[in-house]
C-alpha atoms as a PDB file:
ATOM      1  CA  MET A   1      14.052  -2.197  -7.699  1.00  0.00           C
ATOM      2  CA  ASP A   2      15.367   1.009  -6.172  1.00  0.00           C
ATOM      3  CA  TRP A   3      12.937   3.636  -7.434  1.00  0.00           C
ATOM      4  CA  ARG A   4      12.774   5.236  -3.987  1.00  0.00           C
ATOM      5  CA  SER A   5      16.348   6.496  -4.257  1.00  0.00           C
ATOM      6  CA  THR A   6      15.394   8.842  -7.096  1.00  0.00           C
ATOM      7  CA  ALA A   7      11.755   9.641  -6.258  1.00  0.00           C
ATOM      8  CA  SER A   8      10.693  12.577  -4.125  1.00  0.00           C
ATOM      9  CA  ARG A   9       9.014  12.014  -0.751  1.00  0.00           C
ATOM     10  CA  ARG A  10       5.694  13.078  -2.334  1.00  0.00           C
ATOM     11  CA  ALA A  11       6.036  10.516  -5.142  1.00  0.00           C
ATOM     12  CA  GLN A  12       6.903   7.783  -2.638  1.00  0.00           C
ATOM     13  CA  ASP A  13       3.941   8.676  -0.427  1.00  0.00           C
ATOM     14  CA  ASP A  14       1.541   8.948  -3.373  1.00  0.00           C
ATOM     15  CA  LEU A  15       2.528   5.540  -4.760  1.00  0.00           C
ATOM     16  CA  ASP A  16       2.522   3.900  -1.320  1.00  0.00           C
ATOM     17  CA  ASN A  17      -0.975   5.284  -0.654  1.00  0.00           C
ATOM     18  CA  LEU A  18      -2.259   4.168  -4.046  1.00  0.00           C
ATOM     19  CA  LEU A  19      -0.903   0.664  -3.487  1.00  0.00           C
ATOM     20  CA  ARG A  20      -2.374   0.393   0.004  1.00  0.00           C
ATOM     21  CA  ASP A  21      -5.756   1.738  -1.083  1.00  0.00           C
ATOM     22  CA  SER A  22      -5.814  -0.463  -4.212  1.00  0.00           C
ATOM     23  CA  LEU A  23      -5.218  -3.643  -2.226  1.00  0.00           C
ATOM     24  CA  THR A  24      -7.772  -2.606   0.391  1.00  0.00           C
ATOM     25  CA  LEU A  25     -10.499  -1.981  -2.211  1.00  0.00           C
ATOM     26  CA  ALA A  26      -9.705  -5.162  -4.130  1.00  0.00           C
ATOM     27  CA  GLY A  27      -9.672  -7.169  -0.881  1.00  0.00           C
ATOM     28  CA  GLU A  28     -13.020  -5.755   0.237  1.00  0.00           C
ATOM     29  CA  SER A  29     -14.609  -6.696  -3.081  1.00  0.00           C
ATOM     30  CA  LEU A  30     -13.020 -10.150  -3.061  1.00  0.00           C
ATOM     31  CA  GLY A  31     -14.401 -10.712   0.430  1.00  0.00           C
ATOM     32  CA  ALA A  32     -17.898  -9.655  -0.589  1.00  0.00           C
ATOM     33  CA  THR A  33     -18.217 -11.129  -4.101  1.00  0.00           C
ATOM     34  CA  ARG A  34     -15.168 -13.421  -4.591  1.00  0.00           C
ATOM     35  CA  SER A  35     -14.022 -11.188  -7.475  1.00  0.00           C
ATOM     36  CA  PHE A  36     -13.496  -7.555  -8.351  1.00  0.00           C
ATOM     37  CA  ALA A  37     -14.023  -5.385 -11.385  1.00  0.00           C
ATOM     38  CA  PRO A  38     -11.098  -3.332 -12.678  1.00  0.00           C
ATOM     39  CA  PHE A  39     -10.748   0.174 -11.317  1.00  0.00           C
ATOM     40  CA  MET A  40      -8.436   3.174 -11.271  1.00  0.00           C
ATOM     41  CA  LEU A  41      -7.464   5.290  -8.288  1.00  0.00           C
ATOM     42  CA  VAL A  42      -6.150   8.756  -9.060  1.00  0.00           C
ATOM     43  CA  ILE A  43      -4.552  11.568  -7.088  1.00  0.00           C
ATOM     44  CA  GLY A  44      -5.075  15.063  -8.474  1.00  0.00           C
ATOM     45  CA  VAL A  45      -2.401  17.744  -8.493  1.00  0.00           C
ATOM     46  CA  ASP A  46      -4.228  19.258  -5.502  1.00  0.00           C
ATOM     47  CA  GLY A  47      -4.040  15.974  -3.559  1.00  0.00           C
ATOM     48  CA  SER A  48      -7.687  15.035  -4.070  1.00  0.00           C
ATOM     49  CA  LYS A  49      -8.437  11.345  -4.590  1.00  0.00           C
ATOM     50  CA  GLN A  50     -10.950   9.728  -6.905  1.00  0.00           C
ATOM     51  CA  LEU A  51     -12.071   6.189  -7.712  1.00  0.00           C
ATOM     52  CA  ARG A  52     -13.005   5.311 -11.292  1.00  0.00           C
ATOM     53  CA  ARG A  53     -14.766   2.001 -11.906  1.00  0.00           C
ATOM     54  CA  PHE A  54     -14.796  -0.061 -15.084  1.00  0.00           C
ATOM     55  CA  GLU A  55     -18.186  -1.718 -15.587  1.00  0.00           C
ATOM     56  CA  ALA A  56     -17.863  -3.714 -18.836  1.00  0.00           C
ATOM     57  CA  GLU A  57     -16.727  -7.334 -18.906  1.00  0.00           C
ATOM     58  CA  GLY A  58     -14.097  -9.100 -20.965  1.00  0.00           C
ATOM     59  CA  ALA A  59     -11.917  -6.102 -21.854  1.00  0.00           C
ATOM     60  CA  ASP A  60      -8.124  -6.290 -21.961  1.00  0.00           C
ATOM     61  CA  GLU A  61      -5.840  -4.169 -19.777  1.00  0.00           C
ATOM     62  CA  ASN A  62      -5.167  -1.557 -22.448  1.00  0.00           C
ATOM     63  CA  THR A  63      -8.878  -1.047 -23.124  1.00  0.00           C
ATOM     64  CA  ILE A  64      -9.611  -0.755 -19.418  1.00  0.00           C
ATOM     65  CA  ARG A  65      -6.815   1.768 -18.840  1.00  0.00           C
ATOM     66  CA  ASP A  66      -7.742   3.791 -21.925  1.00  0.00           C
ATOM     67  CA  THR A  67     -11.427   3.855 -20.952  1.00  0.00           C
ATOM     68  CA  LEU A  68     -10.648   5.069 -17.423  1.00  0.00           C
ATOM     69  CA  THR A  69      -8.183   7.722 -18.624  1.00  0.00           C
ATOM     70  CA  MET A  70      -9.567  11.230 -19.156  1.00  0.00           C
ATOM     71  CA  ASP A  71      -8.129  13.657 -21.707  1.00  0.00           C
ATOM     72  CA  ARG A  72      -7.246  16.104 -18.937  1.00  0.00           C
ATOM     73  CA  ASP A  73      -5.400  13.527 -16.783  1.00  0.00           C
ATOM     74  CA  PRO A  74      -1.827  14.411 -17.832  1.00  0.00           C
ATOM     75  CA  ARG A  75      -2.232  17.956 -16.526  1.00  0.00           C
ATOM     76  CA  GLU A  76      -4.696  17.360 -13.658  1.00  0.00           C
ATOM     77  CA  LEU A  77      -3.219  14.246 -12.010  1.00  0.00           C
ATOM     78  CA  ARG A  78       0.015  13.612 -10.177  1.00  0.00           C
ATOM     79  CA  ALA A  79      -0.428   9.825  -9.736  1.00  0.00           C
ATOM     80  CA  ARG A  80      -2.690   6.959 -10.663  1.00  0.00           C
ATOM     81  CA  ALA A  81      -3.043   3.209 -10.232  1.00  0.00           C
ATOM     82  CA  THR A  82      -5.020   0.925 -12.511  1.00  0.00           C
ATOM     83  CA  VAL A  83      -6.022  -2.296 -10.777  1.00  0.00           C
ATOM     84  CA  TYR A  84      -6.865  -5.590 -12.477  1.00  0.00           C
ATOM     85  CA  ASP A  85      -7.784  -9.118 -11.398  1.00  0.00           C
ATOM     86  CA  VAL A  86      -5.406 -11.393 -13.316  1.00  0.00           C
ATOM     87  CA  THR A  87      -4.281 -14.995 -13.489  1.00  0.00           C
ATOM     88  CA  ALA A  88      -0.501 -14.992 -13.263  1.00  0.00           C
ATOM     89  CA  ARG A  89       1.827 -17.571 -14.756  1.00  0.00           C
ATOM     90  CA  GLN A  90       5.101 -15.976 -13.716  1.00  0.00           C
ATOM     91  CA  PRO A  91       6.672 -15.266 -11.238  1.00  0.00           C
ATOM     92  CA  PHE A  92       4.022 -17.359  -9.458  1.00  0.00           C
ATOM     93  CA  PRO A  93       0.994 -19.233 -10.770  1.00  0.00           C
ATOM     94  CA  GLY A  94      -2.521 -18.297  -9.743  1.00  0.00           C
ATOM     95  CA  ASP A  95      -4.842 -15.408  -9.012  1.00  0.00           C
ATOM     96  CA  ALA A  96      -3.278 -12.005  -8.455  1.00  0.00           C
ATOM     97  CA  ILE A  97      -4.107  -8.369  -8.063  1.00  0.00           C
ATOM     98  CA  LYS A  98      -2.175  -6.366 -10.644  1.00  0.00           C
ATOM     99  CA  VAL A  99      -1.536  -2.734  -9.791  1.00  0.00           C
ATOM    100  CA  ALA A 100      -0.093  -0.593 -12.584  1.00  0.00           C
ATOM    101  CA  ALA A 101       0.978   2.563 -10.768  1.00  0.00           C
ATOM    102  CA  GLU A 102       2.651   5.666 -12.108  1.00  0.00           C
ATOM    103  CA  HIS A 103       3.581   9.147 -11.015  1.00  0.00           C
ATOM    104  CA  VAL A 104       4.027  12.405 -12.876  1.00  0.00           C
ATOM    105  CA  GLU A 105       7.697  12.399 -11.757  1.00  0.00           C
ATOM    106  CA  GLY A 106       8.328   9.443 -14.078  1.00  0.00           C
ATOM    107  CA  VAL A 107       8.096   6.472 -11.724  1.00  0.00           C
ATOM    108  CA  ALA A 108       6.048   3.605 -13.183  1.00  0.00           C
ATOM    109  CA  ILE A 109       5.688   0.245 -11.441  1.00  0.00           C
ATOM    110  CA  ASP A 110       3.696  -2.900 -12.124  1.00  0.00           C
ATOM    111  CA  LEU A 111       2.988  -4.947  -9.024  1.00  0.00           C
ATOM    112  CA  LEU A 112       1.560  -8.477  -8.852  1.00  0.00           C
ATOM    113  CA  VAL A 113       0.167  -9.580  -5.508  1.00  0.00           C
ATOM    114  CA  PRO A 114      -1.124 -13.156  -5.193  1.00  0.00           C
ATOM    115  CA  TYR A 115      -4.350 -13.859  -3.383  1.00  0.00           C
ATOM    116  CA  VAL A 116      -6.450 -16.839  -2.375  1.00  0.00           C
ATOM    117  CA  VAL A 117     -10.181 -16.768  -1.730  1.00  0.00           C
ATOM    118  CA  ASP A 118     -11.781 -19.673   0.075  1.00  0.00           C
ATOM    119  CA  GLN A 119     -15.094 -20.149   1.853  1.00  0.00           C
ATOM    120  CA  GLU A 120     -13.839 -18.503   5.025  1.00  0.00           C
ATOM    121  CA  SER A 121     -11.435 -15.757   4.037  1.00  0.00           C
ATOM    122  CA  VAL A 122      -9.435 -13.753   1.541  1.00  0.00           C
ATOM    123  CA  ARG A 123      -5.652 -13.920   1.857  1.00  0.00           C
ATOM    124  CA  ILE A 124      -3.623 -11.280   0.030  1.00  0.00           C
ATOM    125  CA  ASP A 125       0.039 -12.279   0.195  1.00  0.00           C
ATOM    126  CA  MET A 126       2.213  -9.136   0.146  1.00  0.00           C
ATOM    127  CA  ASN A 127       5.234 -11.259   1.125  1.00  0.00           C
ATOM    128  CA  SER A 128       5.079 -12.920  -2.298  1.00  0.00           C
ATOM    129  CA  ALA A 129       4.410  -9.724  -4.249  1.00  0.00           C
ATOM    130  CA  TYR A 130       6.475  -9.072  -7.355  1.00  0.00           C
ATOM    131  CA  ALA A 131       7.284  -5.565  -8.579  1.00  0.00           C
ATOM    132  CA  ALA A 132       8.853  -4.501 -11.853  1.00  0.00           C
ATOM    133  CA  VAL A 133       9.683  -1.223 -13.531  1.00  0.00           C
ATOM    134  CA  ALA A 134       6.984  -0.490 -16.095  1.00  0.00           C
ATOM    135  CA  PRO A 135       6.756   1.834 -19.073  1.00  0.00           C
ATOM    136  CA  ALA A 136       5.339   5.266 -18.341  1.00  0.00           C
ATOM    137  CA  ARG A 137       1.901   5.254 -19.884  1.00  0.00           C
ATOM    138  CA  LEU A 138       0.330   8.620 -19.094  1.00  0.00           C
ATOM    139  CA  TRP A 139       3.426  10.785 -18.675  1.00  0.00           C
ATOM    140  CA  GLY A 140       5.721   8.901 -21.066  1.00  0.00           C
END
């Protein structure tokens, strides 16, 4: 996946920062509670960052994303990442952090990162992460 060859430096930095921050927040919650609730990280056009939390249980990814999306987002954001706790079947079986990231410049990526939680630690395995081009959802 060679999205970097067409994305601006700002888009690359925004998406890299969203990914890093998403995995950090998910990892912190996994370490504290052995799970995490879905959330969205956004970067405003002015560079400001905001965390939006989803509090309900049992909702699907579309409902979560739609609930965390504000009407003004297409004009007031330049990037966002919606983060879910999922059970993957492919390309690897097991628990994973799913990050659905997108940028106003048209880059949209879904990333699956496997993790294991045991009594002593949380292991997030970036070496086994899987990324795929995704449909643009907000700026499509």
